[in-house]
Amino acid sequence: MAIAGNGSLATLLFLFMIPAALHKGAAQYPVQSQNLVTDNVAVVEGEVAVISCRVKNNDDSVIQLLNPNRQTIYFRDVRPLKDARFQLVNFSDNELRVSLSNVTLSDEGRYVCQLYTDPPQEAYADITVLIPPGNPIIESREGQVIEGNETEMTCTAMGSKPAATIRWMKGDKELQGKSKVEETYDTMFTVTSQLTFTVTKEDDGVPVVCIVDHPAVKDVQAQTYLVVHYKPEVKIVVEFPDGLPREGQNMELSCQAKGKPHPQQINWVKVDDDLPSHALITGPDLYIENLNKTYNGTYRCFAANSVGESYDDYILYVYDTTPSTEPAAHDSRAGEGAPRAVDHAVIGGVVAVVVFAMLCLLIILGRYFARHKGTYFTHEAKGADDAADADTAIINAEGGHNNSDEKKEYYI
């Protein structure tokens, strides 16, 4: 190896000429690479690629590595190629391992491991340069969506090699988008995914995430948050009294409404009637003093925003101050069950009275018809059963006296 050590121009020319001559001679014989092995390499642009030429049971044959242009990179442990990015990692009788730092797209191609046997052997290592996409970009068709409407989003991953794939997540649920791949220059790719779905008010504030999958990078994603507008949700809450509303007490009802945007208008009305004269409305609250039964009815709270209007009802039933019986239970929405229970009791009482009156009437009519429905008898008929004729019957009935002037009639 004294020649290699001198580093003369002649030596370099000699090293460059050897691969070409061997390659020319190798074309006359079938290529056999049973004893020479290598591996394909995938490397991210800018990182380090390692090429390993390995020989099984080497008989002191020379190993060299050539680039895709078949220029010698290393001949044994000598580097004729003037590219300092190539460095010797390991050299022995059975392996030549070389690293290539700061890999660029121009370094991609088929590298040749060559073993000087007779005939020469070759093995090939394909270097694939991976180029990660740029940061994904999410765009939305509209910034705010009304519940029940569709929204459309796009996610773009630019300048990758190979083409990236895009997935969508809404909260913890994966959604299916529609992707389009466009090839640009130098086998680079831009991928755009379009996502369309219908929103609900529960989607407000939920993150929508665009996830880019690529062999060069992990966990590349972009996200945005849904802004969903929806009409108010309304609920009436009884602030006081705690129990059943009674005559003489005060009552306060609070109208709790939420929506997006926040409800700007809240109104109280009494269905089919005017609000009591003692009613006072302060913001979302309705205050009624000195309850009495004339205030019974349905009270309704309306709330509205730019999306729409909603309402909730409260049925008020005012009880006596000292009732003889108490309802078994009381719903917080006072009156929604109580008035119906009282109505049923009244109806039951009326039905009982009607039934009782009908029974009395039937008894009276029965006695009347019983008295007037009997058989009519006279003294002439008393002996009719054993008499041969009418005269005999009369004599028998009067005990043998034939005195028609003394006949009397009886009702039995």
Protein backbone atom coordinates (compact mmCIF):
# COMPACT_ATOMS: atom_id res chain seq x y z
CA MET A 1 0.00 0.00 0.00
CA ALA A 2 2.96 2.30 -0.39
CA ILE A 3 1.49 3.66 -3.58
CA ALA A 4 -1.72 4.70 -1.78
CA GLY A 5 0.29 6.35 0.93
CA ASN A 6 2.13 8.64 -1.46
CA GLY A 7 -1.10 10.32 -2.53
CA SER A 8 0.23 11.19 -5.92
CA LEU A 9 -1.93 12.16 -8.87
CA ALA A 10 -0.95 8.94 -10.61
CA THR A 11 -2.21 6.92 -7.69
CA LEU A 12 -5.59 8.65 -7.77
CA LEU A 13 -5.89 8.10 -11.50
CA PHE A 14 -5.01 4.47 -11.02
CA LEU A 15 -7.71 4.03 -8.34
CA PHE A 16 -10.35 5.66 -10.51
CA MET A 17 -9.40 3.49 -13.51
CA ILE A 18 -9.59 0.20 -11.65
CA PRO A 19 -13.39 0.18 -11.11
CA ALA A 20 -14.04 1.01 -14.76
CA ALA A 21 -11.73 -1.73 -16.01
CA LEU A 22 -13.14 -4.27 -13.60
CA HIS A 23 -16.66 -3.26 -14.51
CA LYS A 24 -15.84 -3.73 -18.19
CA GLY A 25 -14.43 -7.18 -17.51
CA ALA A 26 -17.30 -8.08 -15.19
CA ALA A 27 -19.77 -7.62 -17.98
CA GLN A 28 -18.37 -10.80 -19.63
CA TYR A 29 -19.37 -12.98 -16.66
CA PRO A 30 -22.60 -13.45 -14.73
CA VAL A 31 -22.61 -11.38 -11.57
CA GLN A 32 -22.51 -13.48 -8.43
CA SER A 33 -22.81 -11.86 -5.03
CA GLN A 34 -23.30 -14.77 -2.70
CA ASN A 35 -20.39 -13.68 -0.51
CA LEU A 36 -20.98 -9.91 -0.65
CA VAL A 37 -23.98 -8.32 1.08
CA THR A 38 -25.20 -4.83 1.89
CA ASP A 39 -28.43 -3.08 2.95
CA ASN A 40 -30.65 -0.38 1.53
CA VAL A 41 -30.65 2.86 3.48
CA ALA A 42 -33.41 5.39 4.10
CA VAL A 43 -32.20 8.64 5.63
CA VAL A 44 -33.78 11.97 6.40
CA GLU A 45 -32.36 14.91 4.51
CA GLY A 46 -29.56 16.53 6.49
CA GLU A 47 -28.82 13.46 8.60
CA VAL A 48 -26.17 10.70 8.30
CA ALA A 49 -26.38 7.61 6.07
CA VAL A 50 -24.20 4.56 6.76
CA ILE A 51 -23.34 2.11 3.99
CA SER A 52 -21.93 -1.28 4.97
CA CYS A 53 -20.24 -3.66 2.51
CA ARG A 54 -19.88 -7.06 4.22
CA VAL A 55 -18.05 -10.19 3.00
CA LYS A 56 -18.54 -13.72 4.25
CA ASN A 57 -15.33 -15.74 4.45
CA ASN A 58 -13.18 -13.19 2.63
CA ASP A 59 -10.00 -14.54 1.03
CA ASP A 60 -8.15 -11.21 1.27
CA SER A 61 -9.96 -9.83 -1.77
CA VAL A 62 -10.12 -6.05 -2.01
CA ILE A 63 -13.41 -4.28 -1.10
CA GLN A 64 -14.33 -0.93 -2.51
CA LEU A 65 -17.39 1.35 -2.51
CA LEU A 66 -18.58 3.32 -5.54
CA ASN A 67 -21.17 6.08 -5.86
CA PRO A 68 -24.13 6.00 -8.31
CA ASN A 69 -21.83 7.46 -10.98
CA ARG A 70 -19.46 4.53 -10.33
CA GLN A 71 -16.77 6.74 -8.90
CA THR A 72 -14.69 5.13 -6.17
CA ILE A 73 -15.53 6.49 -2.74
CA TYR A 74 -13.29 4.12 -0.78
CA PHE A 75 -10.73 1.60 -2.01
CA ARG A 76 -9.97 -0.48 1.04
CA ASP A 77 -9.31 2.24 3.65
CA VAL A 78 -8.32 4.94 1.15
CA ARG A 79 -10.76 7.68 0.02
CA PRO A 80 -9.91 8.86 -3.50
CA LEU A 81 -13.08 10.94 -3.79
CA LYS A 82 -12.61 14.48 -2.53
CA ASP A 83 -15.82 14.70 -0.53
CA ALA A 84 -15.15 15.10 3.17
CA ARG A 85 -18.73 14.12 4.00
CA PHE A 86 -17.69 10.50 3.43
CA GLN A 87 -15.84 9.08 6.42
CA LEU A 88 -14.52 5.62 7.16
CA VAL A 89 -16.37 4.03 10.06
CA ASN A 90 -14.85 0.56 9.95
CA PHE A 91 -12.44 -1.34 7.75
CA SER A 92 -11.51 -4.99 8.10
CA ASP A 93 -11.13 -8.08 5.92
CA ASN A 94 -14.89 -8.69 6.20
CA GLU A 95 -16.37 -5.18 6.19
CA LEU A 96 -16.05 -1.74 4.70
CA ARG A 97 -18.40 0.68 6.49
CA VAL A 98 -18.66 4.30 5.35
CA SER A 99 -20.79 7.18 6.63
CA LEU A 100 -22.20 10.04 4.58
CA SER A 101 -23.11 13.12 6.61
CA ASN A 102 -25.44 16.00 5.76
CA VAL A 103 -27.28 13.96 3.15
CA THR A 104 -29.01 15.89 0.38
CA LEU A 105 -31.48 14.88 -2.28
CA SER A 106 -28.65 14.72 -4.84
CA ASP A 107 -27.04 11.91 -2.82
CA GLU A 108 -29.97 9.60 -3.55
CA GLY A 109 -29.25 6.63 -5.81
CA ARG A 110 -27.70 3.15 -6.06
CA TYR A 111 -24.30 2.69 -4.39
CA VAL A 112 -22.12 -0.28 -5.35
CA CYS A 113 -20.14 -2.57 -3.07
CA GLN A 114 -17.47 -4.29 -5.13
CA LEU A 115 -15.29 -7.26 -4.27
CA TYR A 116 -12.19 -8.04 -6.40
CA THR A 117 -12.67 -11.74 -6.94
CA ASP A 118 -12.57 -13.68 -10.15
CA PRO A 119 -15.04 -12.81 -11.49
CA PRO A 120 -15.69 -9.61 -9.44
CA GLN A 121 -18.77 -9.50 -7.22
CA GLU A 122 -21.14 -6.60 -6.70
CA ALA A 123 -23.91 -5.79 -4.22
CA TYR A 124 -26.13 -2.74 -4.32
CA ALA A 125 -27.31 -0.36 -1.59
CA ASP A 126 -30.08 2.04 -2.54
CA ILE A 127 -30.02 5.28 -0.57
CA THR A 128 -33.45 6.89 -0.31
CA VAL A 129 -33.53 10.45 0.96
CA LEU A 130 -36.63 11.32 3.01
CA ILE A 131 -37.78 14.93 3.05
CA PRO A 132 -40.28 15.76 5.79
CA PRO A 133 -43.23 18.01 4.97
CA GLY A 134 -43.45 21.54 6.20
CA ASN A 135 -45.68 22.35 9.14
CA PRO A 136 -49.29 21.55 8.22
CA ILE A 137 -51.67 24.43 7.70
CA ILE A 138 -55.39 24.28 8.67
CA GLU A 139 -57.87 26.56 6.98
CA SER A 140 -61.60 26.81 7.75
CA ARG A 141 -64.34 27.95 5.39
CA GLU A 142 -65.87 30.07 8.16
CA GLY A 143 -64.69 31.12 11.58
CA GLN A 144 -68.07 30.59 13.30
CA VAL A 145 -70.63 27.89 12.59
CA ILE A 146 -74.29 27.74 13.61
CA GLU A 147 -75.41 24.44 15.15
CA GLY A 148 -76.90 22.06 12.61
CA ASN A 149 -74.88 23.53 9.73
CA GLU A 150 -71.96 21.96 7.89
CA THR A 151 -68.41 23.23 8.18
CA GLU A 152 -65.49 22.58 5.85
CA MET A 153 -61.80 22.50 6.76
CA THR A 154 -58.64 21.83 4.74
CA CYS A 155 -55.21 20.74 5.91
CA THR A 156 -52.14 21.08 3.67
CA ALA A 157 -48.75 19.37 4.03
CA MET A 158 -46.26 20.77 1.51
CA GLY A 159 -42.92 19.67 0.06
CA SER A 160 -42.44 16.11 1.29
CA LYS A 161 -40.84 13.01 -0.14
CA PRO A 162 -42.51 10.59 -0.30
CA ALA A 163 -46.07 11.96 -0.13
CA ALA A 164 -47.44 12.32 3.40
CA THR A 165 -50.77 11.01 4.66
CA ILE A 166 -53.23 13.13 6.66
CA ARG A 167 -55.62 12.06 9.42
CA TRP A 168 -58.29 14.09 11.25
CA MET A 169 -59.39 14.00 14.89
CA LYS A 170 -62.32 15.88 16.43
CA GLY A 171 -61.84 15.57 20.16
CA ASP A 172 -61.21 11.86 20.71
CA LYS A 173 -63.07 10.78 17.56
CA GLU A 174 -61.32 10.17 14.23
CA LEU A 175 -63.00 11.64 11.15
CA GLN A 176 -62.48 10.70 7.52
CA GLY A 177 -61.20 13.36 5.15
CA LYS A 178 -60.68 13.37 1.38
CA SER A 179 -57.05 13.76 0.28
CA LYS A 180 -55.48 14.97 -2.97
CA VAL A 181 -51.78 14.44 -3.82
CA GLU A 182 -49.95 16.81 -6.17
CA GLU A 183 -46.39 16.19 -7.42
CA THR A 184 -44.30 19.35 -7.68
CA TYR A 185 -40.62 19.41 -8.63
CA ASP A 186 -37.77 16.95 -7.93
CA THR A 187 -40.30 14.26 -7.02
CA MET A 188 -41.63 16.36 -4.14
CA PHE A 189 -45.29 16.15 -3.10
CA THR A 190 -47.96 18.38 -1.64
CA VAL A 191 -50.96 16.74 0.04
CA THR A 192 -54.26 18.49 0.78
CA SER A 193 -57.03 16.88 2.82
CA GLN A 194 -60.58 18.23 2.96
CA LEU A 195 -62.91 17.53 5.89
CA THR A 196 -66.67 18.22 5.96
CA PHE A 197 -69.02 17.51 8.88
CA THR A 198 -72.16 18.80 10.64
CA VAL A 199 -71.65 20.58 13.95
CA THR A 200 -73.72 20.49 17.14
CA LYS A 201 -73.64 22.81 20.14
CA GLU A 202 -71.60 20.16 21.98
CA ASP A 203 -68.80 20.77 19.44
CA ASP A 204 -68.23 24.32 20.69
CA GLY A 205 -64.65 24.61 21.93
CA VAL A 206 -63.72 21.09 20.78
CA PRO A 207 -60.28 20.85 19.08
CA VAL A 208 -60.03 19.63 15.50
CA VAL A 209 -56.56 18.20 14.81
CA CYS A 210 -54.85 17.55 11.49
CA ILE A 211 -52.19 14.81 11.92
CA VAL A 212 -49.51 14.31 9.26
CA ASP A 213 -47.93 10.86 9.00
CA HIS A 214 -44.56 10.59 7.24
CA PRO A 215 -41.58 8.26 7.63
CA ALA A 216 -39.27 11.24 8.18
CA VAL A 217 -41.15 12.77 11.12
CA LYS A 218 -43.48 11.88 13.95
CA ASP A 219 -46.34 13.74 15.64
CA VAL A 220 -46.51 16.57 13.15
CA GLN A 221 -49.91 18.18 13.59
CA ALA A 222 -51.90 21.37 13.60
CA GLN A 223 -55.15 22.09 15.37
CA THR A 224 -57.94 24.59 15.57
CA TYR A 225 -60.92 24.99 17.89
CA LEU A 226 -64.53 24.96 16.77
CA VAL A 227 -66.65 28.04 17.47
CA VAL A 228 -70.31 26.97 17.36
CA HIS A 229 -73.20 29.40 17.82
CA TYR A 230 -76.44 27.96 19.20
CA LYS A 231 -79.76 29.27 20.50
CA PRO A 232 -80.26 29.62 24.26
CA GLU A 233 -80.94 26.77 26.64
CA VAL A 234 -83.46 27.98 29.25
CA LYS A 235 -84.30 26.65 32.73
CA ILE A 236 -86.47 28.22 35.44
CA VAL A 237 -85.18 27.76 39.01
CA VAL A 238 -87.22 28.47 42.18
CA GLU A 239 -85.09 30.61 44.50
CA PHE A 240 -87.75 30.66 47.26
CA PRO A 241 -89.86 29.44 48.94
CA ASP A 242 -88.19 26.10 49.63
CA GLY A 243 -91.41 24.12 49.97
CA LEU A 244 -94.87 24.39 48.48
CA PRO A 245 -95.94 27.95 47.66
CA ARG A 246 -98.67 29.11 50.07
CA GLU A 247 -100.95 32.06 50.33
CA GLY A 248 -99.28 35.14 51.73
CA GLN A 249 -95.73 34.02 50.89
CA ASN A 250 -93.32 35.68 48.46
CA MET A 251 -91.84 33.87 45.49
CA GLU A 252 -88.76 34.42 43.33
CA LEU A 253 -88.17 32.60 40.03
CA SER A 254 -84.81 32.82 38.26
CA CYS A 255 -84.50 32.33 34.50
CA GLN A 256 -81.15 30.67 33.78
CA ALA A 257 -80.23 30.89 30.09
CA LYS A 258 -77.02 30.07 28.27
CA GLY A 259 -76.22 30.18 24.60
CA LYS A 260 -73.64 31.40 22.12
CA PRO A 261 -73.60 34.30 21.77
CA HIS A 262 -74.85 34.93 25.31
CA PRO A 263 -78.59 35.75 25.39
CA GLN A 264 -79.08 39.49 25.30
CA GLN A 265 -82.83 39.50 25.96
CA ILE A 266 -84.85 37.71 28.69
CA ASN A 267 -88.61 38.23 29.08
CA TRP A 268 -91.25 36.94 31.53
CA VAL A 269 -94.92 36.45 30.64
CA LYS A 270 -97.92 34.67 32.10
CA VAL A 271 -99.52 32.38 29.55
CA ASP A 272 -103.08 33.43 28.65
CA ASP A 273 -103.11 36.18 31.27
CA ASP A 274 -101.32 39.26 32.54
CA LEU A 275 -98.58 39.14 35.14
CA PRO A 276 -99.81 39.87 38.69
CA SER A 277 -99.76 43.50 39.71
CA HIS A 278 -97.30 42.66 42.49
CA ALA A 279 -94.87 40.98 40.07
CA LEU A 280 -91.45 42.60 39.76
CA ILE A 281 -88.95 41.70 37.02
CA THR A 282 -85.28 42.35 37.75
CA GLY A 283 -83.01 41.13 34.97
CA PRO A 284 -83.59 37.37 34.65
CA ASP A 285 -85.55 37.13 37.96
CA LEU A 286 -89.32 37.32 38.56
CA TYR A 287 -90.41 38.34 42.09
CA ILE A 288 -94.04 37.98 43.27
CA GLU A 289 -95.23 39.27 46.66
CA ASN A 290 -98.12 38.04 48.82
CA LEU A 291 -99.15 34.97 46.82
CA ASN A 292 -102.80 34.10 46.45
CA LYS A 293 -104.73 31.62 44.33
CA THR A 294 -105.57 34.19 41.70
CA TYR A 295 -101.90 34.02 40.71
CA ASN A 296 -102.17 30.35 39.70
CA GLY A 297 -101.12 29.67 36.12
CA THR A 298 -98.19 29.07 33.78
CA TYR A 299 -95.28 31.50 33.90
CA ARG A 300 -92.95 31.48 30.88
CA CYS A 301 -89.40 32.79 30.49
CA PHE A 302 -88.13 33.65 26.99
CA ALA A 303 -84.43 34.03 26.11
CA ALA A 304 -83.12 35.09 22.70
CA ASN A 305 -79.84 35.65 20.87
CA SER A 306 -78.81 36.09 17.24
CA VAL A 307 -79.37 32.38 16.51
CA GLY A 308 -82.90 31.96 17.88
CA GLU A 309 -85.27 31.96 20.84
CA SER A 310 -86.13 29.37 23.53
CA TYR A 311 -88.33 29.27 26.62
CA ASP A 312 -89.15 27.31 29.75
CA ASP A 313 -92.45 27.10 31.70
CA TYR A 314 -93.25 27.04 35.42
CA ILE A 315 -96.74 26.08 36.59
CA LEU A 316 -97.68 27.89 39.81
CA TYR A 317 -100.31 26.48 42.19
CA VAL A 318 -100.77 28.33 45.47
CA TYR A 319 -101.84 26.20 48.47
CA ASP A 320 -103.83 27.18 51.53
CA THR A 321 -101.90 28.55 54.48
CA THR A 322 -102.85 25.62 56.81
CA PRO A 323 -103.91 22.70 54.61
CA SER A 324 -105.50 19.62 56.20
CA THR A 325 -103.35 17.30 54.14
CA GLU A 326 -99.95 17.72 52.57
CA PRO A 327 -98.91 16.23 49.22
CA ALA A 328 -96.59 13.26 49.58
CA ALA A 329 -93.83 14.94 47.57
CA HIS A 330 -93.02 18.30 45.99
CA ASP A 331 -91.20 18.90 42.77
CA SER A 332 -88.89 21.91 42.63
CA ARG A 333 -91.05 23.20 39.81
CA ALA A 334 -93.91 23.83 42.25
CA GLY A 335 -97.17 23.14 40.75
CA GLU A 336 -96.26 20.92 37.83
CA GLY A 337 -97.69 17.87 39.62
CA ALA A 338 -99.73 19.35 42.49
CA PRO A 339 -102.60 21.00 40.58
CA ARG A 340 -103.27 17.79 38.71
CA ALA A 341 -103.43 15.81 42.00
CA VAL A 342 -105.94 18.30 43.46
CA ASP A 343 -108.04 18.18 40.28
CA HIS A 344 -108.21 14.40 40.46
CA ALA A 345 -109.37 14.55 44.11
CA VAL A 346 -112.13 17.02 43.26
CA ILE A 347 -113.27 14.94 40.31
CA GLY A 348 -113.31 11.80 42.48
CA GLY A 349 -115.45 13.54 45.11
CA VAL A 350 -117.93 14.73 42.52
CA VAL A 351 -118.20 11.26 41.02
CA ALA A 352 -118.82 9.76 44.49
CA VAL A 353 -121.62 12.26 45.20
CA VAL A 354 -123.27 11.54 41.85
CA VAL A 355 -123.10 7.77 42.42
CA PHE A 356 -124.57 8.14 45.91
CA ALA A 357 -127.44 10.32 44.61
CA MET A 358 -128.22 7.80 41.89
CA LEU A 359 -128.31 4.96 44.42
CA CYS A 360 -130.74 6.93 46.62
CA LEU A 361 -132.94 7.65 43.61
CA LEU A 362 -133.00 3.98 42.63
CA ILE A 363 -134.03 2.95 46.18
CA ILE A 364 -136.89 5.49 46.23
CA LEU A 365 -138.13 4.44 42.81
CA GLY A 366 -137.96 0.79 43.80
CA ARG A 367 -140.09 1.28 46.87
CA TYR A 368 -142.60 3.32 44.90
CA PHE A 369 -143.02 0.72 42.18
CA ALA A 370 -143.19 -2.06 44.76
CA ARG A 371 -146.20 -0.45 46.43
CA HIS A 372 -148.10 0.07 43.17
CA LYS A 373 -147.32 -3.15 41.43
CA GLY A 374 -149.46 -5.61 43.68
CA THR A 375 -152.52 -7.69 42.58
CA TYR A 376 -156.04 -6.01 42.94
CA PHE A 377 -158.59 -8.07 44.96
CA THR A 378 -162.32 -7.52 45.92
CA HIS A 379 -164.60 -9.43 48.28
CA GLU A 380 -166.08 -11.14 45.23
CA ALA A 381 -162.69 -12.64 44.42
CA LYS A 382 -161.90 -14.05 47.82
CA GLY A 383 -163.90 -17.28 47.23
CA ALA A 384 -163.44 -17.60 43.51
CA ASP A 385 -160.98 -20.44 43.76
CA ASP A 386 -163.53 -22.96 45.25
CA ALA A 387 -166.80 -21.65 43.80
CA ALA A 388 -168.60 -23.12 40.83
CA ASP A 389 -169.98 -19.75 39.72
CA ALA A 390 -169.80 -16.09 40.61
CA ASP A 391 -172.75 -16.09 42.96
CA THR A 392 -171.32 -18.96 44.96
CA ALA A 393 -167.97 -17.16 45.08
CA ILE A 394 -169.59 -14.08 46.57
CA ILE A 395 -171.48 -16.11 49.16
CA ASN A 396 -168.26 -17.95 50.10
CA ALA A 397 -166.29 -14.71 50.31
CA GLU A 398 -168.85 -13.09 52.65
CA GLY A 399 -169.22 -16.11 54.83
CA GLY A 400 -172.58 -17.03 53.23
CA HIS A 401 -174.20 -13.59 53.48
CA ASN A 402 -175.57 -12.27 50.26
CA ASN A 403 -175.35 -8.60 51.00
CA SER A 404 -173.88 -6.75 48.08
CA ASP A 405 -174.34 -3.39 49.74
CA GLU A 406 -171.70 -4.20 52.30
CA LYS A 407 -168.97 -5.00 49.78
CA LYS A 408 -165.64 -3.27 50.43
CA GLU A 409 -162.54 -3.05 48.38
CA TYR A 410 -159.01 -3.52 49.71
CA TYR A 411 -155.58 -3.02 48.41
CA ILE A 412 -153.15 -5.71 49.39
